[in-house]
C-alpha atoms as a PDB file:
ATOM      1  CA  UNK A   1      -0.108  -0.075   0.030  1.00  0.00           C
ATOM      2  CA  UNK A   2       1.299   3.723  -0.770  1.00  0.00           C
ATOM      3  CA  UNK A   3       2.337   6.044   1.560  1.00  0.00           C
ATOM      4  CA  UNK A   4      -0.646   7.926   3.225  1.00  0.00           C
ATOM      5  CA  UNK A   5      -0.881  11.628   2.304  1.00  0.00           C
ATOM      6  CA  UNK A   6      -1.256  14.547   4.209  1.00  0.00           C
ATOM      7  CA  UNK A   7      -3.647  17.162   3.439  1.00  0.00           C
ATOM      8  CA  UNK A   8      -5.555  20.108   5.268  1.00  0.00           C
ATOM      9  CA  UNK A   9      -9.438  19.903   5.238  1.00  0.00           C
ATOM     10  CA  UNK A  10     -11.160  22.457   7.093  1.00  0.00           C
ATOM     11  CA  UNK A  11     -14.404  21.398   8.943  1.00  0.00           C
ATOM     12  CA  UNK A  12     -17.238  22.942  10.950  1.00  0.00           C
ATOM     13  CA  UNK A  13     -16.538  22.957  14.387  1.00  0.00           C
ATOM     14  CA  UNK A  14     -19.652  20.521  15.089  1.00  0.00           C
ATOM     15  CA  UNK A  15     -18.765  18.123  12.500  1.00  0.00           C
ATOM     16  CA  UNK A  16     -15.074  18.186  13.568  1.00  0.00           C
ATOM     17  CA  UNK A  17     -16.498  17.405  17.309  1.00  0.00           C
ATOM     18  CA  UNK A  18     -19.149  14.838  16.008  1.00  0.00           C
ATOM     19  CA  UNK A  19     -16.172  12.791  14.387  1.00  0.00           C
ATOM     20  CA  UNK A  20     -13.696  13.131  17.380  1.00  0.00           C
ATOM     21  CA  UNK A  21     -16.802  11.595  19.761  1.00  0.00           C
ATOM     22  CA  UNK A  22     -17.409   8.888  16.901  1.00  0.00           C
ATOM     23  CA  UNK A  23     -13.836   8.116  16.662  1.00  0.00           C
ATOM     24  CA  UNK A  24     -13.436   7.683  20.311  1.00  0.00           C
ATOM     25  CA  UNK A  25     -16.795   5.594  20.187  1.00  0.00           C
ATOM     26  CA  UNK A  26     -15.366   3.039  17.642  1.00  0.00           C
ATOM     27  CA  UNK A  27     -11.786   3.264  18.883  1.00  0.00           C
ATOM     28  CA  UNK A  28     -10.644   4.780  15.610  1.00  0.00           C
ATOM     29  CA  UNK A  29      -9.442   7.957  14.651  1.00  0.00           C
ATOM     30  CA  UNK A  30     -10.810  10.872  12.467  1.00  0.00           C
ATOM     31  CA  UNK A  31      -8.511  10.267   9.800  1.00  0.00           C
ATOM     32  CA  UNK A  32      -9.740   6.544   9.300  1.00  0.00           C
ATOM     33  CA  UNK A  33     -13.277   8.063   9.533  1.00  0.00           C
ATOM     34  CA  UNK A  34     -12.747  10.603   7.122  1.00  0.00           C
ATOM     35  CA  UNK A  35     -11.493   7.820   4.549  1.00  0.00           C
ATOM     36  CA  UNK A  36     -14.326   5.651   4.881  1.00  0.00           C
ATOM     37  CA  UNK A  37     -16.525   8.605   4.231  1.00  0.00           C
ATOM     38  CA  UNK A  38     -14.563   9.596   1.196  1.00  0.00           C
ATOM     39  CA  UNK A  39     -14.285   6.155   0.056  1.00  0.00           C
ATOM     40  CA  UNK A  40     -18.062   5.277   0.399  1.00  0.00           C
ATOM     41  CA  UNK A  41     -19.134   8.615  -1.544  1.00  0.00           C
ATOM     42  CA  UNK A  42     -16.687   7.911  -4.526  1.00  0.00           C
ATOM     43  CA  UNK A  43     -18.095   4.025  -4.548  1.00  0.00           C
ATOM     44  CA  UNK A  44     -21.571   5.591  -4.967  1.00  0.00           C
ATOM     45  CA  UNK A  45     -20.677   7.927  -7.575  1.00  0.00           C
ATOM     46  CA  UNK A  46     -19.047   4.983  -9.351  1.00  0.00           C
ATOM     47  CA  UNK A  47     -22.180   2.955  -9.005  1.00  0.00           C
ATOM     48  CA  UNK A  48     -24.248   5.659 -10.354  1.00  0.00           C
ATOM     49  CA  UNK A  49     -21.623   6.316 -13.472  1.00  0.00           C
ATOM     50  CA  UNK A  50     -22.191   2.405 -13.848  1.00  0.00           C
ATOM     51  CA  UNK A  51     -25.778   2.701 -14.245  1.00  0.00           C
ATOM     52  CA  UNK A  52     -25.963   5.432 -16.486  1.00  0.00           C
ATOM     53  CA  UNK A  53     -23.238   3.414 -18.587  1.00  0.00           C
ATOM     54  CA  UNK A  54     -25.529   0.094 -18.436  1.00  0.00           C
ATOM     55  CA  UNK A  55     -28.415   2.145 -19.296  1.00  0.00           C
ATOM     56  CA  UNK A  56     -27.014   4.208 -22.308  1.00  0.00           C
ATOM     57  CA  UNK A  57     -28.783   2.215 -24.920  1.00  0.00           C
ATOM     58  CA  UNK A  58     -32.121   2.907 -23.320  1.00  0.00           C
ATOM     59  CA  UNK A  59     -34.337   4.931 -25.309  1.00  0.00           C
ATOM     60  CA  UNK A  60     -34.910   8.400 -23.913  1.00  0.00           C
ATOM     61  CA  UNK A  61     -38.492   9.697 -23.128  1.00  0.00           C
ATOM     62  CA  UNK A  62     -39.680  13.492 -22.560  1.00  0.00           C
ATOM     63  CA  UNK A  63     -40.480  14.190 -18.948  1.00  0.00           C
ATOM     64  CA  UNK A  64     -44.088  15.199 -19.778  1.00  0.00           C
ATOM     65  CA  UNK A  65     -44.601  11.436 -21.100  1.00  0.00           C
ATOM     66  CA  UNK A  66     -43.185   9.933 -18.230  1.00  0.00           C
ATOM     67  CA  UNK A  67     -45.357  12.051 -16.070  1.00  0.00           C
ATOM     68  CA  UNK A  68     -48.407  11.180 -18.108  1.00  0.00           C
ATOM     69  CA  UNK A  69     -47.834   7.583 -17.804  1.00  0.00           C
ATOM     70  CA  UNK A  70     -47.251   7.197 -14.397  1.00  0.00           C
ATOM     71  CA  UNK A  71     -50.525   9.226 -13.978  1.00  0.00           C
ATOM     72  CA  UNK A  72     -52.296   6.719 -16.274  1.00  0.00           C
ATOM     73  CA  UNK A  73     -51.107   3.914 -14.294  1.00  0.00           C
ATOM     74  CA  UNK A  74     -52.419   5.675 -11.042  1.00  0.00           C
ATOM     75  CA  UNK A  75     -48.710   5.826  -9.574  1.00  0.00           C
ATOM     76  CA  UNK A  76     -49.216  10.082  -9.401  1.00  0.00           C
END
């Protein structure tokens, strides 16, 4: 594994306090919690990008048509 990189991140005081408390509760540290959160956010983005890629061949519909179909099906 590569050497960890150091960076400066400015957090709201309330968020920093919550991170410190969570770190103490979980026997972790703020850096580990931030790394986990960033990994989770990036994984969500990757899943979203993959879903877009998987669906790019699907035909597109106008939003108005989509709403009309929802109403016609009783879903709105």
